[in-house]
Structures are given as structure tokens and as C-alpha cells.
Amino acid sequence: EIRYVGRSYVSKPTLKEVVIVSATRTPIGSFLGSLSLLPATKLGSIAIQGAIEKAGIPKEEVKEAYMGNVLQGGEGQAPTRQAVLGAGLPISTPCTTINKVCASGMKAIMMASQSLMCGHQIKQETGSLANICCHVTR
């Protein structure tokens, strides 16, 4: 006699719900305008600080940071780490920079949300940093 023995699980694996608690952006500048002297890492620091302040959480509660950055030439090593430290987050905060040409900021958001859904982290900072002008045909 062949008998099938099923395996019962105590709980089913589920993904955690992810919510965005705040959002900020840097101002849009113009070619060789007043923002042109600020490096992308500094602009990123300003955006991170603003997002954390709007969320009303202590900086120490941000457990990881993902930032997209395309034009890294001349910015030095680890632009996300520079932005995170410039925003006053702890030096122990793990940082990842995504260089994906197009949609690097979107990829950063995707990676952070997947980490949150799986329960690997509970609070993350994510976004994009760049100091490039917007080209518009007039």
C-alpha cells in the first residue's frame, strides 16, 4: 500500500507590506545655474535629511540605504556612502550605489522594497542622486 504523507506548515510564507512614509526631492536647476557647483552627493545628503525629517524618525533607525547614480565620474568613491554620511546617518549604515544608466533610482527603490518585503530590513532610505541638467527643446 502506498500512502501519501503531506507536510504541514505552521505558517505560510508571506511578504510584508511596504509603505513610503516620506518623499523629498532636490530642486531642479538650470545649466551652469546656482546648483551647478553642488556635487550630486551633497544634493543627495540634502534630500536624505529632508526625507528623514518629514518621516519624523531618528537617523539611527535607517538601517540601510540604496541610491541610484548614473554619472559617477568625478564624485569620488561610494557616492551613496558620501550622501548618507553627509546627512548625518551612522557610519555603520550599509550603503549600495546602483549605476544602471536609465532608471537607477527606480532600481534602488525596487531593491529596497524587496528587502523590506522579505523582512531583511525594517526601515530603509532609497532614492537617486545626480547633478545633471534637464534638457528641454524649446
Protein backbone atom coordinates (compact mmCIF):
# COMPACT_ATOMS: atom_id res chain seq x y z
CA GLU A 1 0.00 0.00 0.00
CA ILE A 2 1.36 3.43 -0.98
CA ARG A 3 0.37 6.26 1.27
CA TYR A 4 0.98 9.97 0.66
CA VAL A 5 2.14 11.86 3.68
CA GLY A 6 1.70 15.60 3.33
CA ARG A 7 3.85 18.10 5.12
CA SER A 8 2.04 20.70 7.14
CA TYR A 9 3.49 24.11 7.77
CA VAL A 10 2.84 26.14 10.87
CA SER A 11 2.65 29.32 8.83
CA LYS A 12 2.69 30.24 5.18
CA PRO A 13 5.48 32.46 3.93
CA THR A 14 4.10 35.92 3.28
CA LEU A 15 5.65 39.14 2.08
CA LYS A 16 5.49 42.13 4.35
CA GLU A 17 3.62 45.25 3.27
CA VAL A 18 5.87 48.16 2.28
CA VAL A 19 4.83 51.79 2.69
CA ILE A 20 6.54 55.06 1.78
CA VAL A 21 6.49 57.33 4.83
CA SER A 22 8.02 60.42 3.22
CA ALA A 23 9.39 61.72 -0.04
CA THR A 24 11.61 64.66 -0.92
CA ARG A 25 13.48 65.86 -3.94
CA THR A 26 16.13 68.39 -4.68
CA PRO A 27 15.22 71.49 -6.70
CA ILE A 28 15.51 71.43 -10.46
CA GLY A 29 18.32 73.70 -11.54
CA SER A 30 19.45 75.05 -14.88
CA PHE A 31 22.64 74.57 -16.88
CA LEU A 32 25.51 76.39 -15.08
CA GLY A 33 22.95 77.78 -12.61
CA SER A 34 23.19 78.22 -8.85
CA LEU A 35 23.09 74.46 -8.17
CA SER A 36 25.80 73.55 -10.67
CA LEU A 37 28.59 73.87 -8.09
CA LEU A 38 26.94 71.41 -5.68
CA PRO A 39 28.05 67.80 -6.21
CA ALA A 40 25.38 65.11 -6.51
CA THR A 41 26.49 63.66 -3.17
CA LYS A 42 25.69 66.95 -1.40
CA LEU A 43 22.30 67.18 -3.13
CA GLY A 44 21.66 63.57 -2.07
CA SER A 45 22.53 64.44 1.54
CA ILE A 46 20.03 67.29 1.50
CA ALA A 47 17.28 65.01 0.12
CA ILE A 48 18.04 62.28 2.69
CA GLN A 49 17.92 64.78 5.57
CA GLY A 50 14.62 66.17 4.33
CA ALA A 51 13.03 62.74 3.94
CA ILE A 52 14.07 61.65 7.42
CA GLU A 53 12.82 64.89 8.99
CA LYS A 54 9.45 64.57 7.19
CA ALA A 55 9.14 60.95 8.33
CA GLY A 56 9.82 62.01 11.91
CA ILE A 57 12.19 59.14 12.66
CA PRO A 58 15.64 59.20 14.25
CA LYS A 59 18.52 58.88 11.80
CA GLU A 60 19.76 55.81 13.67
CA GLU A 61 16.61 53.91 12.70
CA VAL A 62 17.53 53.91 8.99
CA LYS A 63 19.17 50.50 8.65
CA GLU A 64 20.29 50.59 5.00
CA ALA A 65 20.49 52.95 2.02
CA TYR A 66 20.16 52.34 -1.72
CA MET A 67 20.76 55.24 -4.11
CA GLY A 68 20.85 55.28 -7.88
CA ASN A 69 23.59 57.36 -9.51
CA VAL A 70 24.45 57.35 -13.19
CA LEU A 71 27.14 59.95 -13.81
CA GLN A 72 29.66 58.99 -11.13
CA GLY A 73 32.73 60.48 -12.79
CA GLY A 74 34.45 62.99 -10.50
CA GLU A 75 32.24 62.24 -7.49
CA GLY A 76 34.73 60.04 -5.68
CA GLN A 77 34.20 56.56 -4.34
CA ALA A 78 30.89 55.30 -2.97
CA PRO A 79 28.55 58.25 -3.69
CA THR A 80 25.74 56.76 -1.60
CA ARG A 81 28.05 56.44 1.41
CA GLN A 82 29.09 60.09 0.95
CA ALA A 83 25.44 61.21 0.82
CA VAL A 84 24.46 59.11 3.85
CA LEU A 85 27.35 60.38 5.97
CA GLY A 86 26.68 63.95 4.81
CA ALA A 87 23.09 63.56 6.02
CA GLY A 88 24.34 62.57 9.46
CA LEU A 89 23.43 58.88 9.42
CA PRO A 90 25.67 56.49 11.37
CA ILE A 91 28.86 55.26 9.71
CA SER A 92 27.57 51.72 10.29
CA THR A 93 24.69 52.24 7.80
CA PRO A 94 25.18 49.81 4.87
CA CYS A 95 25.11 51.65 1.53
CA THR A 96 24.65 50.49 -2.06
CA THR A 97 25.05 52.63 -5.18
CA ILE A 98 23.25 51.45 -8.32
CA ASN A 99 24.72 52.58 -11.65
CA LYS A 100 22.21 51.44 -14.24
CA VAL A 101 22.27 54.35 -16.71
CA CYS A 102 18.49 54.73 -17.01
CA ALA A 103 16.19 54.10 -14.06
CA SER A 104 18.93 53.63 -11.45
CA GLY A 105 16.75 55.43 -8.90
CA MET A 106 13.83 53.14 -9.75
CA LYS A 107 16.08 50.09 -9.38
CA ALA A 108 17.20 51.40 -5.96
CA ILE A 109 13.56 51.64 -4.88
CA MET A 110 12.87 48.13 -6.17
CA MET A 111 15.85 46.65 -4.30
CA ALA A 112 14.96 48.40 -1.06
CA SER A 113 11.30 47.39 -1.26
CA GLN A 114 12.24 43.75 -1.91
CA SER A 115 14.50 43.78 1.15
CA LEU A 116 11.66 45.21 3.23
CA MET A 117 9.06 42.76 1.86
CA CYS A 118 11.26 39.78 2.72
CA GLY A 119 11.82 41.09 6.23
CA HIS A 120 15.56 41.65 5.85
CA GLN A 121 15.23 45.27 6.97
CA ILE A 122 12.58 47.35 8.70
CA LYS A 123 13.50 50.92 7.68
CA GLN A 124 15.45 52.00 4.62
CA GLU A 125 16.40 55.13 2.72
CA THR A 126 16.30 54.94 -1.04
CA GLY A 127 16.44 57.30 -3.98
CA SER A 128 18.58 58.78 -6.68
CA LEU A 129 21.32 61.37 -6.77
CA ALA A 130 22.65 63.31 -9.74
CA ASN A 131 23.71 66.78 -10.72
CA ILE A 132 22.71 66.95 -14.35
CA CYS A 133 20.62 69.49 -16.13
CA CYS A 134 17.28 68.75 -17.69
CA HIS A 135 17.42 69.24 -21.47
CA VAL A 136 14.22 70.60 -22.95
CA THR A 137 13.69 71.57 -26.57
CA ARG A 138 12.13 75.00 -26.78
